[in-house]
C-alpha cells in the first residue's frame, strides 16, 4: 500500500474521515497501519481544520480493516506518515472490453471529422 502511518498516540479507526463517525477500532501507540488514500480537508468546519489529513486504512497492525484514521486533526499531528509514492494499479475489472470508440479530429483544412474505431479482432 502507498501510505504507512506510525501512531504517536492511541488512535481511533472510524467509519469515515470525521470524528463524528463511529469508532470501529483503535491503534496502540507505536503501532503501524497502512492505507491507500489520503483525504485532505479543503476548508475549516466545526469538525475539521483546512489541511487536516485522514488516511483510508486497509491494514492495521498486520490485520485487514476498512476505516479512516486522522493523520492531522484540528491542526494536531497524531502520527508519522510515510508515502511510498507508488500508486496502486487501476482496478482490472472496471473495463470489460472496448467494442468501439468514436474519435473526433480536425483536418489541416479546418474540417472536423468523426470516425468510428474498432479494436483488432472485433
Protein backbone atom coordinates (compact mmCIF):
# COMPACT_ATOMS: atom_id res chain seq x y z
CA UNK A 1 0.00 0.00 0.00
CA UNK A 2 1.09 3.53 -0.71
CA UNK A 3 0.85 5.05 2.79
CA UNK A 4 2.10 3.86 6.18
CA UNK A 5 1.47 5.60 9.49
CA UNK A 6 3.12 5.01 12.84
CA UNK A 7 0.99 6.25 15.72
CA UNK A 8 2.31 8.78 18.24
CA UNK A 9 -0.78 8.22 20.42
CA UNK A 10 -3.55 5.63 20.82
CA UNK A 11 -5.59 6.38 17.70
CA UNK A 12 -9.19 5.70 16.70
CA UNK A 13 -10.20 3.95 13.49
CA UNK A 14 -13.53 5.37 12.26
CA UNK A 15 -16.10 4.57 9.57
CA UNK A 16 -15.48 7.92 7.83
CA UNK A 17 -12.94 10.76 7.82
CA UNK A 18 -14.58 12.69 10.66
CA UNK A 19 -14.69 12.44 14.44
CA UNK A 20 -18.49 12.34 14.12
CA UNK A 21 -18.23 8.87 12.52
CA UNK A 22 -18.49 5.73 14.66
CA UNK A 23 -15.27 4.40 16.16
CA UNK A 24 -14.62 0.85 14.88
CA UNK A 25 -11.17 0.14 16.31
CA UNK A 26 -8.02 1.50 17.92
CA UNK A 27 -4.33 1.51 17.06
CA UNK A 28 -1.92 1.47 20.00
CA UNK A 29 0.91 3.96 20.29
CA UNK A 30 3.94 2.97 18.21
CA UNK A 31 1.99 0.52 16.01
CA UNK A 32 1.62 0.84 12.24
CA UNK A 33 -1.28 0.99 9.82
CA UNK A 34 -1.31 1.02 6.02
CA UNK A 35 -3.68 2.72 3.63
CA UNK A 36 -4.40 3.54 0.03
CA UNK A 37 -5.97 7.01 0.01
CA UNK A 38 -5.25 10.28 1.76
CA UNK A 39 -8.15 12.70 2.34
CA UNK A 40 -7.33 16.39 2.96
CA UNK A 41 -9.89 18.85 4.37
CA UNK A 42 -10.42 21.69 1.90
CA UNK A 43 -11.98 24.08 4.40
CA UNK A 44 -12.37 24.68 8.12
CA UNK A 45 -15.58 23.46 9.76
CA UNK A 46 -16.61 22.73 13.33
CA UNK A 47 -15.10 19.21 12.98
CA UNK A 48 -12.05 19.90 10.79
CA UNK A 49 -9.42 22.48 10.02
CA UNK A 50 -8.39 23.17 6.43
CA UNK A 51 -5.39 20.95 5.70
CA UNK A 52 -6.35 18.18 8.14
CA UNK A 53 -5.44 14.75 6.74
CA UNK A 54 -7.10 11.35 7.19
CA UNK A 55 -5.83 8.03 5.85
CA UNK A 56 -8.14 5.36 4.43
CA UNK A 57 -6.73 2.43 6.40
CA UNK A 58 -6.81 -1.05 4.84
CA UNK A 59 -4.40 -2.81 7.22
CA UNK A 60 -3.86 -2.16 10.92
CA UNK A 61 -1.17 -3.87 12.96
CA UNK A 62 -0.96 -6.54 10.25
CA UNK A 63 -4.73 -7.24 10.11
CA UNK A 64 -7.14 -6.27 7.28
CA UNK A 65 -9.54 -3.42 8.16
CA UNK A 66 -11.58 -0.77 6.35
CA UNK A 67 -11.80 2.61 8.02
CA UNK A 68 -10.31 6.10 8.42
CA UNK A 69 -7.67 7.39 10.82
CA UNK A 70 -6.64 11.01 11.46
CA UNK A 71 -3.09 11.89 10.49
CA UNK A 72 -3.69 15.57 11.35
CA UNK A 73 -6.91 16.62 13.11
CA UNK A 74 -7.74 20.23 14.04
CA UNK A 75 -4.14 21.02 13.19
CA UNK A 76 -2.65 18.47 15.65
CA UNK A 77 -0.35 15.75 14.26
CA UNK A 78 -1.28 12.28 15.56
CA UNK A 79 1.17 10.08 13.69
CA UNK A 80 4.09 9.88 11.30
CA UNK A 81 3.02 9.47 7.68
CA UNK A 82 5.26 7.79 5.10
CA UNK A 83 4.35 7.95 1.41
CA UNK A 84 5.98 5.30 -0.78
CA UNK A 85 4.98 7.32 -3.85
CA UNK A 86 3.74 4.16 -5.53
CA UNK A 87 0.14 4.49 -6.62
CA UNK A 88 -1.91 1.30 -6.62
CA UNK A 89 -2.64 -0.20 -10.05
CA UNK A 90 -6.04 0.62 -11.54
CA UNK A 91 -8.75 -1.98 -11.00
CA UNK A 92 -8.72 -4.65 -13.67
CA UNK A 93 -12.46 -5.28 -13.57
CA UNK A 94 -13.54 -1.71 -14.41
CA UNK A 95 -13.25 -2.08 -18.21
CA UNK A 96 -14.50 -5.35 -19.61
CA UNK A 97 -13.76 -4.75 -23.27
CA UNK A 98 -13.79 -1.91 -25.76
CA UNK A 99 -16.22 -2.60 -28.58
CA UNK A 100 -15.73 0.64 -30.50
CA UNK A 101 -14.57 4.21 -29.92
CA UNK A 102 -15.54 7.48 -31.59
CA UNK A 103 -12.67 9.82 -32.50
CA UNK A 104 -13.25 13.43 -33.49
CA UNK A 105 -10.40 15.29 -35.16
CA UNK A 106 -9.76 18.35 -37.28
CA UNK A 107 -8.04 18.19 -40.66
CA UNK A 108 -5.35 20.65 -41.81
CA UNK A 109 -8.01 22.46 -43.84
CA UNK A 110 -10.14 23.02 -40.71
CA UNK A 111 -12.77 20.36 -41.38
CA UNK A 112 -13.91 18.42 -38.30
CA UNK A 113 -14.38 14.70 -38.86
CA UNK A 114 -15.65 11.88 -36.65
CA UNK A 115 -14.57 8.31 -37.18
CA UNK A 116 -15.55 5.01 -35.54
CA UNK A 117 -12.58 2.91 -34.50
CA UNK A 118 -12.83 -0.80 -33.79
CA UNK A 119 -10.12 -2.71 -31.93
CA UNK A 120 -8.38 -5.51 -33.82
CA UNK A 121 -10.21 -8.80 -33.56
CA UNK A 122 -13.74 -7.30 -33.47
